[in-house]
């Protein structure tokens, strides 16, 4: 059972329409993944980019259903965003290509 008194850190995501959502992580968790001098907000943003890239890839390339063309185009754009952010293609990072 989780310790309800454990400290957390809040990160807020703001959308283009001005809405926002705050997510809490255990205090210090983002620091575990940060490189020396890297801001924890960058780490959280990296995780968001990575999650969207992986999930979109899974839906487009590993779904049993027909994939709409617009989702395929969004996947291509997400792969480009991933590569711009991390300097490596999603295919190379995942160890496979389609």
PDB file of N, CA and C in Angstrom:
ATOM      1  N   UNK A   1       0.837  -1.182   0.000  1.00  0.00           N
ATOM      2  CA  UNK A   1       0.000   0.000   0.000  1.00  0.00           C
ATOM      3  C   UNK A   1       0.885   1.251   0.000  1.00  0.00           C
ATOM      4  N   UNK A   2       0.490   2.243  -0.780  1.00  0.00           N
ATOM      5  CA  UNK A   2       1.275   3.477  -0.903  1.00  0.00           C
ATOM      6  C   UNK A   2       1.190   4.292   0.375  1.00  0.00           C
ATOM      7  N   UNK A   3       2.278   4.972   0.669  1.00  0.00           N
ATOM      8  CA  UNK A   3       2.334   5.872   1.816  1.00  0.00           C
ATOM      9  C   UNK A   3       1.657   7.173   1.419  1.00  0.00           C
ATOM     10  N   UNK A   4       0.493   7.443   2.004  1.00  0.00           N
ATOM     11  CA  UNK A   4      -0.286   8.631   1.662  1.00  0.00           C
ATOM     12  C   UNK A   4       0.452   9.921   2.013  1.00  0.00           C
ATOM     13  N   UNK A   5       1.415   9.867   2.937  1.00  0.00           N
ATOM     14  CA  UNK A   5       2.119  11.074   3.344  1.00  0.00           C
ATOM     15  C   UNK A   5       3.359  11.354   2.495  1.00  0.00           C
ATOM     16  N   UNK A   6       3.648  10.485   1.538  1.00  0.00           N
ATOM     17  CA  UNK A   6       4.822  10.688   0.691  1.00  0.00           C
ATOM     18  C   UNK A   6       4.683  12.001  -0.081  1.00  0.00           C
ATOM     19  N   UNK A   7       5.785  12.710  -0.210  1.00  0.00           N
ATOM     20  CA  UNK A   7       5.766  13.968  -0.940  1.00  0.00           C
ATOM     21  C   UNK A   7       5.688  13.725  -2.437  1.00  0.00           C
ATOM     22  N   UNK A   8       5.063  14.673  -3.107  1.00  0.00           N
ATOM     23  CA  UNK A   8       4.960  14.609  -4.561  1.00  0.00           C
ATOM     24  C   UNK A   8       5.406  15.942  -5.143  1.00  0.00           C
ATOM     25  N   UNK A   9       5.671  15.906  -6.456  1.00  0.00           N
ATOM     26  CA  UNK A   9       5.977  17.110  -7.217  1.00  0.00           C
ATOM     27  C   UNK A   9       4.912  17.230  -8.297  1.00  0.00           C
ATOM     28  N   UNK A  10       4.404  18.420  -8.497  1.00  0.00           N
ATOM     29  CA  UNK A  10       3.366  18.658  -9.487  1.00  0.00           C
ATOM     30  C   UNK A  10       3.959  19.275 -10.752  1.00  0.00           C
ATOM     31  N   UNK A  11       3.507  18.785 -11.877  1.00  0.00           N
ATOM     32  CA  UNK A  11       3.881  19.326 -13.181  1.00  0.00           C
ATOM     33  C   UNK A  11       2.594  19.656 -13.911  1.00  0.00           C
ATOM     34  N   UNK A  12       2.534  20.834 -14.502  1.00  0.00           N
ATOM     35  CA  UNK A  12       1.324  21.284 -15.176  1.00  0.00           C
ATOM     36  C   UNK A  12       1.546  21.304 -16.680  1.00  0.00           C
ATOM     37  N   UNK A  13       0.581  20.751 -17.385  1.00  0.00           N
ATOM     38  CA  UNK A  13       0.598  20.720 -18.846  1.00  0.00           C
ATOM     39  C   UNK A  13      -0.490  21.678 -19.313  1.00  0.00           C
ATOM     40  N   UNK A  14      -0.123  22.580 -20.208  1.00  0.00           N
ATOM     41  CA  UNK A  14      -1.099  23.541 -20.719  1.00  0.00           C
ATOM     42  C   UNK A  14      -1.337  23.272 -22.189  1.00  0.00           C
ATOM     43  N   UNK A  15      -2.613  23.210 -22.567  1.00  0.00           N
ATOM     44  CA  UNK A  15      -2.980  22.953 -23.948  1.00  0.00           C
ATOM     45  C   UNK A  15      -3.090  24.225 -24.760  1.00  0.00           C
ATOM     46  N   UNK A  16      -3.168  24.090 -26.071  1.00  0.00           N
ATOM     47  CA  UNK A  16      -3.244  25.264 -26.941  1.00  0.00           C
ATOM     48  C   UNK A  16      -4.521  26.082 -26.726  1.00  0.00           C
ATOM     49  N   UNK A  17      -5.549  25.467 -26.138  1.00  0.00           N
ATOM     50  CA  UNK A  17      -6.796  26.191 -25.880  1.00  0.00           C
ATOM     51  C   UNK A  17      -6.815  26.844 -24.501  1.00  0.00           C
ATOM     52  N   UNK A  18      -5.691  26.760 -23.771  1.00  0.00           N
ATOM     53  CA  UNK A  18      -5.587  27.395 -22.472  1.00  0.00           C
ATOM     54  C   UNK A  18      -5.983  26.512 -21.297  1.00  0.00           C
ATOM     55  N   UNK A  19      -6.523  25.326 -21.575  1.00  0.00           N
ATOM     56  CA  UNK A  19      -6.839  24.420 -20.483  1.00  0.00           C
ATOM     57  C   UNK A  19      -5.551  23.815 -19.958  1.00  0.00           C
ATOM     58  N   UNK A  20      -5.582  23.380 -18.706  1.00  0.00           N
ATOM     59  CA  UNK A  20      -4.378  22.782 -18.136  1.00  0.00           C
ATOM     60  C   UNK A  20      -4.755  21.607 -17.249  1.00  0.00           C
ATOM     61  N   UNK A  21      -3.789  20.752 -17.046  1.00  0.00           N
ATOM     62  CA  UNK A  21      -3.930  19.578 -16.188  1.00  0.00           C
ATOM     63  C   UNK A  21      -2.644  19.457 -15.394  1.00  0.00           C
ATOM     64  N   UNK A  22      -2.787  19.190 -14.132  1.00  0.00           N
ATOM     65  CA  UNK A  22      -1.628  19.002 -13.279  1.00  0.00           C
ATOM     66  C   UNK A  22      -1.509  17.532 -12.926  1.00  0.00           C
ATOM     67  N   UNK A  23      -0.308  17.004 -13.087  1.00  0.00           N
ATOM     68  CA  UNK A  23      -0.036  15.617 -12.712  1.00  0.00           C
ATOM     69  C   UNK A  23       0.994  15.616 -11.587  1.00  0.00           C
ATOM     70  N   UNK A  24       0.845  14.663 -10.703  1.00  0.00           N
ATOM     71  CA  UNK A  24       1.781  14.540  -9.588  1.00  0.00           C
ATOM     72  C   UNK A  24       2.634  13.302  -9.758  1.00  0.00           C
ATOM     73  N   UNK A  25       3.899  13.444  -9.440  1.00  0.00           N
ATOM     74  CA  UNK A  25       4.849  12.339  -9.441  1.00  0.00           C
ATOM     75  C   UNK A  25       5.480  12.284  -8.055  1.00  0.00           C
ATOM     76  N   UNK A  26       5.936  11.112  -7.647  1.00  0.00           N
ATOM     77  CA  UNK A  26       6.665  11.064  -6.374  1.00  0.00           C
ATOM     78  C   UNK A  26       7.850  12.030  -6.421  1.00  0.00           C
ATOM     79  N   UNK A  27       8.044  12.754  -5.360  1.00  0.00           N
ATOM     80  CA  UNK A  27       9.150  13.709  -5.295  1.00  0.00           C
ATOM     81  C   UNK A  27      10.470  13.005  -5.572  1.00  0.00           C
ATOM     82  N   UNK A  28      11.243  13.552  -6.479  1.00  0.00           N
ATOM     83  CA  UNK A  28      12.550  12.996  -6.819  1.00  0.00           C
ATOM     84  C   UNK A  28      12.543  12.007  -7.965  1.00  0.00           C
ATOM     85  N   UNK A  29      11.371  11.548  -8.391  1.00  0.00           N
ATOM     86  CA  UNK A  29      11.339  10.544  -9.465  1.00  0.00           C
ATOM     87  C   UNK A  29      11.883  11.101 -10.772  1.00  0.00           C
ATOM     88  N   UNK A  30      11.478  12.290 -11.155  1.00  0.00           N
ATOM     89  CA  UNK A  30      11.983  12.870 -12.404  1.00  0.00           C
ATOM     90  C   UNK A  30      13.494  13.082 -12.339  1.00  0.00           C
ATOM     91  N   UNK A  31      14.008  13.369 -11.133  1.00  0.00           N
ATOM     92  CA  UNK A  31      15.456  13.551 -10.965  1.00  0.00           C
ATOM     93  C   UNK A  31      16.232  12.276 -11.301  1.00  0.00           C
ATOM     94  N   UNK A  32      15.616  11.128 -11.064  1.00  0.00           N
ATOM     95  CA  UNK A  32      16.267   9.846 -11.344  1.00  0.00           C
ATOM     96  C   UNK A  32      16.643   9.745 -12.820  1.00  0.00           C
ATOM     97  N   UNK A  33      15.815  10.328 -13.675  1.00  0.00           N
ATOM     98  CA  UNK A  33      16.016  10.220 -15.121  1.00  0.00           C
ATOM     99  C   UNK A  33      16.717  11.432 -15.731  1.00  0.00           C
ATOM    100  N   UNK A  34      16.979  12.444 -14.932  1.00  0.00           N
ATOM    101  CA  UNK A  34      17.609  13.669 -15.436  1.00  0.00           C
ATOM    102  C   UNK A  34      19.119  13.502 -15.540  1.00  0.00           C
ATOM    103  N   UNK A  35      19.663  14.059 -16.601  1.00  0.00           N
ATOM    104  CA  UNK A  35      21.109  14.141 -16.714  1.00  0.00           C
ATOM    105  C   UNK A  35      21.567  15.338 -15.899  1.00  0.00           C
ATOM    106  N   UNK A  36      22.838  15.380 -15.562  1.00  0.00           N
ATOM    107  CA  UNK A  36      23.374  16.471 -14.752  1.00  0.00           C
ATOM    108  C   UNK A  36      22.976  17.820 -15.332  1.00  0.00           C
ATOM    109  N   UNK A  37      22.344  18.638 -14.509  1.00  0.00           N
ATOM    110  CA  UNK A  37      21.947  19.975 -14.907  1.00  0.00           C
ATOM    111  C   UNK A  37      20.659  20.060 -15.704  1.00  0.00           C
ATOM    112  N   UNK A  38      20.049  18.935 -16.010  1.00  0.00           N
ATOM    113  CA  UNK A  38      18.816  18.931 -16.795  1.00  0.00           C
ATOM    114  C   UNK A  38      17.620  19.225 -15.891  1.00  0.00           C
ATOM    115  N   UNK A  39      16.744  20.084 -16.347  1.00  0.00           N
ATOM    116  CA  UNK A  39      15.551  20.424 -15.578  1.00  0.00           C
ATOM    117  C   UNK A  39      14.567  19.256 -15.573  1.00  0.00           C
ATOM    118  N   UNK A  40      13.910  19.072 -14.449  1.00  0.00           N
ATOM    119  CA  UNK A  40      12.939  17.971 -14.364  1.00  0.00           C
ATOM    120  C   UNK A  40      11.760  18.192 -15.307  1.00  0.00           C
ATOM    121  N   UNK A  41      11.449  19.434 -15.629  1.00  0.00           N
ATOM    122  CA  UNK A  41      10.382  19.675 -16.603  1.00  0.00           C
ATOM    123  C   UNK A  41      10.754  19.118 -17.976  1.00  0.00           C
ATOM    124  N   UNK A  42      12.032  19.182 -18.324  1.00  0.00           N
ATOM    125  CA  UNK A  42      12.492  18.584 -19.582  1.00  0.00           C
ATOM    126  C   UNK A  42      12.315  17.073 -19.555  1.00  0.00           C
ATOM    127  N   UNK A  43      12.599  16.457 -18.422  1.00  0.00           N
ATOM    128  CA  UNK A  43      12.445  15.007 -18.282  1.00  0.00           C
ATOM    129  C   UNK A  43      10.985  14.612 -18.465  1.00  0.00           C
ATOM    130  N   UNK A  44      10.090  15.335 -17.807  1.00  0.00           N
ATOM    131  CA  UNK A  44       8.665  15.032 -17.919  1.00  0.00           C
ATOM    132  C   UNK A  44       8.198  15.227 -19.363  1.00  0.00           C
ATOM    133  N   UNK A  45       8.655  16.272 -20.020  1.00  0.00           N
ATOM    134  CA  UNK A  45       8.308  16.502 -21.422  1.00  0.00           C
ATOM    135  C   UNK A  45       8.865  15.386 -22.310  1.00  0.00           C
ATOM    136  N   UNK A  46      10.098  14.940 -22.026  1.00  0.00           N
ATOM    137  CA  UNK A  46      10.673  13.815 -22.780  1.00  0.00           C
ATOM    138  C   UNK A  46       9.788  12.575 -22.673  1.00  0.00           C
ATOM    139  N   UNK A  47       9.314  12.306 -21.452  1.00  0.00           N
ATOM    140  CA  UNK A  47       8.452  11.146 -21.247  1.00  0.00           C
ATOM    141  C   UNK A  47       7.151  11.282 -22.035  1.00  0.00           C
ATOM    142  N   UNK A  48       6.599  12.487 -22.100  1.00  0.00           N
ATOM    143  CA  UNK A  48       5.372  12.703 -22.859  1.00  0.00           C
ATOM    144  C   UNK A  48       5.606  12.437 -24.348  1.00  0.00           C
ATOM    145  N   UNK A  49       6.691  12.975 -24.896  1.00  0.00           N
ATOM    146  CA  UNK A  49       7.005  12.756 -26.309  1.00  0.00           C
ATOM    147  C   UNK A  49       7.219  11.267 -26.573  1.00  0.00           C
ATOM    148  N   UNK A  50       7.971  10.619 -25.710  1.00  0.00           N
ATOM    149  CA  UNK A  50       8.238   9.195 -25.872  1.00  0.00           C
ATOM    150  C   UNK A  50       6.945   8.384 -25.814  1.00  0.00           C
ATOM    151  N   UNK A  51       6.083   8.675 -24.859  1.00  0.00           N
ATOM    152  CA  UNK A  51       4.837   7.929 -24.709  1.00  0.00           C
ATOM    153  C   UNK A  51       3.939   8.100 -25.931  1.00  0.00           C
ATOM    154  N   UNK A  52       3.786   9.330 -26.410  1.00  0.00           N
ATOM    155  CA  UNK A  52       2.957   9.548 -27.585  1.00  0.00           C
ATOM    156  C   UNK A  52       3.538   8.852 -28.808  1.00  0.00           C
ATOM    157  N   UNK A  53       4.840   8.907 -28.982  1.00  0.00           N
ATOM    158  CA  UNK A  53       5.473   8.258 -30.127  1.00  0.00           C
ATOM    159  C   UNK A  53       5.278   6.743 -30.076  1.00  0.00           C
ATOM    160  N   UNK A  54       5.486   6.156 -28.920  1.00  0.00           N
ATOM    161  CA  UNK A  54       5.333   4.700 -28.792  1.00  0.00           C
ATOM    162  C   UNK A  54       3.887   4.258 -28.957  1.00  0.00           C
ATOM    163  N   UNK A  55       2.966   4.990 -28.349  1.00  0.00           N
ATOM    164  CA  UNK A  55       1.559   4.606 -28.437  1.00  0.00           C
ATOM    165  C   UNK A  55       1.024   4.770 -29.856  1.00  0.00           C
ATOM    166  N   UNK A  56       1.398   5.863 -30.523  1.00  0.00           N
ATOM    167  CA  UNK A  56       0.949   6.066 -31.895  1.00  0.00           C
ATOM    168  C   UNK A  56       1.532   4.996 -32.806  1.00  0.00           C
ATOM    169  N   UNK A  57       2.794   4.682 -32.600  1.00  0.00           N
ATOM    170  CA  UNK A  57       3.438   3.616 -33.373  1.00  0.00           C
ATOM    171  C   UNK A  57       2.683   2.295 -33.183  1.00  0.00           C
ATOM    172  N   UNK A  58       2.351   1.979 -31.951  1.00  0.00           N
ATOM    173  CA  UNK A  58       1.662   0.720 -31.655  1.00  0.00           C
ATOM    174  C   UNK A  58       0.311   0.651 -32.357  1.00  0.00           C
ATOM    175  N   UNK A  59      -0.444   1.731 -32.313  1.00  0.00           N
ATOM    176  CA  UNK A  59      -1.763   1.743 -32.949  1.00  0.00           C
ATOM    177  C   UNK A  59      -1.630   1.613 -34.460  1.00  0.00           C
ATOM    178  N   UNK A  60      -0.709   2.366 -35.049  1.00  0.00           N
ATOM    179  CA  UNK A  60      -0.567   2.378 -36.507  1.00  0.00           C
ATOM    180  C   UNK A  60       0.025   1.081 -37.035  1.00  0.00           C
ATOM    181  N   UNK A  61       1.020   0.537 -36.346  1.00  0.00           N
ATOM    182  CA  UNK A  61       1.747  -0.603 -36.909  1.00  0.00           C
ATOM    183  C   UNK A  61       1.402  -1.951 -36.291  1.00  0.00           C
ATOM    184  N   UNK A  62       0.719  -1.968 -35.175  1.00  0.00           N
ATOM    185  CA  UNK A  62       0.473  -3.244 -34.508  1.00  0.00           C
ATOM    186  C   UNK A  62      -1.003  -3.491 -34.209  1.00  0.00           C
ATOM    187  N   UNK A  63      -1.884  -2.682 -34.762  1.00  0.00           N
ATOM    188  CA  UNK A  63      -3.309  -2.832 -34.560  1.00  0.00           C
ATOM    189  C   UNK A  63      -3.870  -3.846 -35.547  1.00  0.00           C
ATOM    190  N   UNK A  64      -4.881  -4.554 -35.106  1.00  0.00           N
ATOM    191  CA  UNK A  64      -5.552  -5.516 -35.985  1.00  0.00           C
ATOM    192  C   UNK A  64      -6.535  -4.812 -36.928  1.00  0.00           C
ATOM    193  N   UNK A  65      -6.910  -3.584 -36.570  1.00  0.00           N
ATOM    194  CA  UNK A  65      -7.906  -2.837 -37.336  1.00  0.00           C
ATOM    195  C   UNK A  65      -7.252  -1.987 -38.418  1.00  0.00           C
ATOM    196  N   UNK A  66      -8.074  -1.559 -39.375  1.00  0.00           N
ATOM    197  CA  UNK A  66      -7.618  -0.651 -40.414  1.00  0.00           C
ATOM    198  C   UNK A  66      -7.282   0.697 -39.778  1.00  0.00           C
ATOM    199  N   UNK A  67      -6.164   1.266 -40.161  1.00  0.00           N
ATOM    200  CA  UNK A  67      -5.723   2.535 -39.585  1.00  0.00           C
ATOM    201  C   UNK A  67      -6.115   3.673 -40.520  1.00  0.00           C
ATOM    202  N   UNK A  68      -6.838   4.667 -40.008  1.00  0.00           N
ATOM    203  CA  UNK A  68      -7.193   5.815 -40.851  1.00  0.00           C
ATOM    204  C   UNK A  68      -5.943   6.546 -41.347  1.00  0.00           C
ATOM    205  N   UNK A  69      -6.021   7.082 -42.542  1.00  0.00           N
ATOM    206  CA  UNK A  69      -4.882   7.774 -43.150  1.00  0.00           C
ATOM    207  C   UNK A  69      -4.421   8.952 -42.303  1.00  0.00           C
ATOM    208  N   UNK A  70      -5.368   9.649 -41.660  1.00  0.00           N
ATOM    209  CA  UNK A  70      -4.958  10.802 -40.864  1.00  0.00           C
ATOM    210  C   UNK A  70      -4.133  10.369 -39.655  1.00  0.00           C
ATOM    211  N   UNK A  71      -4.431   9.209 -39.085  1.00  0.00           N
ATOM    212  CA  UNK A  71      -3.638   8.713 -37.960  1.00  0.00           C
ATOM    213  C   UNK A  71      -2.253   8.279 -38.429  1.00  0.00           C
ATOM    214  N   UNK A  72      -2.191   7.709 -39.603  1.00  0.00           N
ATOM    215  CA  UNK A  72      -0.892   7.338 -40.169  1.00  0.00           C
ATOM    216  C   UNK A  72      -0.037   8.591 -40.384  1.00  0.00           C
ATOM    217  N   UNK A  73      -0.655   9.656 -40.856  1.00  0.00           N
ATOM    218  CA  UNK A  73       0.072  10.920 -41.060  1.00  0.00           C
ATOM    219  C   UNK A  73       0.516  11.508 -39.720  1.00  0.00           C
ATOM    220  N   UNK A  74      -0.346  11.420 -38.698  1.00  0.00           N
ATOM    221  CA  UNK A  74       0.027  11.908 -37.368  1.00  0.00           C
ATOM    222  C   UNK A  74       1.201  11.102 -36.807  1.00  0.00           C
ATOM    223  N   UNK A  75       1.221   9.801 -37.066  1.00  0.00           N
ATOM    224  CA  UNK A  75       2.324   8.961 -36.617  1.00  0.00           C
ATOM    225  C   UNK A  75       3.627   9.391 -37.279  1.00  0.00           C
ATOM    226  N   UNK A  76       3.576   9.658 -38.567  1.00  0.00           N
ATOM    227  CA  UNK A  76       4.769  10.114 -39.283  1.00  0.00           C
ATOM    228  C   UNK A  76       5.275  11.417 -38.686  1.00  0.00           C
ATOM    229  N   UNK A  77       4.373  12.343 -38.415  1.00  0.00           N
ATOM    230  CA  UNK A  77       4.767  13.619 -37.813  1.00  0.00           C
ATOM    231  C   UNK A  77       5.319  13.404 -36.407  1.00  0.00           C
ATOM    232  N   UNK A  78       4.720  12.486 -35.628  1.00  0.00           N
ATOM    233  CA  UNK A  78       5.202  12.229 -34.274  1.00  0.00           C
ATOM    234  C   UNK A  78       6.597  11.625 -34.309  1.00  0.00           C
ATOM    235  N   UNK A  79       6.857  10.766 -35.272  1.00  0.00           N
ATOM    236  CA  UNK A  79       8.198  10.188 -35.411  1.00  0.00           C
ATOM    237  C   UNK A  79       9.226  11.288 -35.717  1.00  0.00           C
ATOM    238  N   UNK A  80       8.831  12.278 -36.527  1.00  0.00           N
ATOM    239  CA  UNK A  80       9.732  13.394 -36.823  1.00  0.00           C
ATOM    240  C   UNK A  80       9.994  14.219 -35.565  1.00  0.00           C
ATOM    241  N   UNK A  81       8.962  14.471 -34.780  1.00  0.00           N
ATOM    242  CA  UNK A  81       9.103  15.221 -33.524  1.00  0.00           C
ATOM    243  C   UNK A  81      10.023  14.467 -32.577  1.00  0.00           C
ATOM    244  N   UNK A  82       9.849  13.151 -32.482  1.00  0.00           N
ATOM    245  CA  UNK A  82      10.692  12.312 -31.640  1.00  0.00           C
ATOM    246  C   UNK A  82      12.150  12.447 -32.052  1.00  0.00           C
ATOM    247  N   UNK A  83      12.415  12.333 -33.356  1.00  0.00           N
ATOM    248  CA  UNK A  83      13.796  12.396 -33.841  1.00  0.00           C
ATOM    249  C   UNK A  83      14.413  13.774 -33.612  1.00  0.00           C
ATOM    250  N   UNK A  84      13.620  14.832 -33.794  1.00  0.00           N
ATOM    251  CA  UNK A  84      14.133  16.183 -33.528  1.00  0.00           C
ATOM    252  C   UNK A  84      14.513  16.337 -32.055  1.00  0.00           C
ATOM    253  N   UNK A  85      13.707  15.794 -31.165  1.00  0.00           N
ATOM    254  CA  UNK A  85      13.935  15.967 -29.729  1.00  0.00           C
ATOM    255  C   UNK A  85      15.106  15.123 -29.240  1.00  0.00           C
ATOM    256  N   UNK A  86      15.202  13.874 -29.712  1.00  0.00           N
ATOM    257  CA  UNK A  86      16.187  12.940 -29.160  1.00  0.00           C
ATOM    258  C   UNK A  86      17.401  12.691 -30.056  1.00  0.00           C
ATOM    259  N   UNK A  87      17.356  13.161 -31.290  1.00  0.00           N
ATOM    260  CA  UNK A  87      18.500  12.992 -32.183  1.00  0.00           C
ATOM    261  C   UNK A  87      18.679  11.579 -32.691  1.00  0.00           C
ATOM    262  N   UNK A  88      17.652  10.775 -32.570  1.00  0.00           N
ATOM    263  CA  UNK A  88      17.679   9.393 -33.057  1.00  0.00           C
ATOM    264  C   UNK A  88      16.267   9.062 -33.535  1.00  0.00           C
ATOM    265  N   UNK A  89      16.181   8.245 -34.569  1.00  0.00           N
ATOM    266  CA  UNK A  89      14.854   7.895 -35.071  1.00  0.00           C
ATOM    267  C   UNK A  89      14.140   6.988 -34.074  1.00  0.00           C
ATOM    268  N   UNK A  90      12.824   7.008 -34.127  1.00  0.00           N
ATOM    269  CA  UNK A  90      12.041   6.124 -33.269  1.00  0.00           C
ATOM    270  C   UNK A  90      12.361   4.663 -33.582  1.00  0.00           C
ATOM    271  N   UNK A  91      12.536   4.357 -34.862  1.00  0.00           N
ATOM    272  CA  UNK A  91      12.879   2.987 -35.250  1.00  0.00           C
ATOM    273  C   UNK A  91      14.182   2.539 -34.590  1.00  0.00           C
ATOM    274  N   UNK A  92      15.191   3.394 -34.600  1.00  0.00           N
ATOM    275  CA  UNK A  92      16.458   3.041 -33.968  1.00  0.00           C
ATOM    276  C   UNK A  92      16.303   2.927 -32.459  1.00  0.00           C
ATOM    277  N   UNK A  93      15.548   3.827 -31.859  1.00  0.00           N
ATOM    278  CA  UNK A  93      15.350   3.789 -30.408  1.00  0.00           C
ATOM    279  C   UNK A  93      14.597   2.539 -29.984  1.00  0.00           C
ATOM    280  N   UNK A  94      13.645   2.098 -30.815  1.00  0.00           N
ATOM    281  CA  UNK A  94      12.847   0.922 -30.471  1.00  0.00           C
ATOM    282  C   UNK A  94      13.510  -0.390 -30.906  1.00  0.00           C
ATOM    283  N   UNK A  95      14.449  -0.275 -31.828  1.00  0.00           N
ATOM    284  CA  UNK A  95      15.132  -1.469 -32.292  1.00  0.00           C
ATOM    285  C   UNK A  95      14.396  -2.210 -33.384  1.00  0.00           C
ATOM    286  N   UNK A  96      13.405  -1.575 -33.995  1.00  0.00           N
ATOM    287  CA  UNK A  96      12.754  -2.174 -35.155  1.00  0.00           C
ATOM    288  C   UNK A  96      12.084  -1.109 -36.003  1.00  0.00           C
ATOM    289  N   UNK A  97      11.843  -1.454 -37.262  1.00  0.00           N
ATOM    290  CA  UNK A  97      11.281  -0.522 -38.229  1.00  0.00           C
ATOM    291  C   UNK A  97      10.187  -1.234 -39.001  1.00  0.00           C
ATOM    292  N   UNK A  98       9.339  -0.444 -39.645  1.00  0.00           N
ATOM    293  CA  UNK A  98       8.258  -1.010 -40.459  1.00  0.00           C
ATOM    294  C   UNK A  98       8.356  -0.473 -41.864  1.00  0.00           C
TER     295      UNK A  98
END
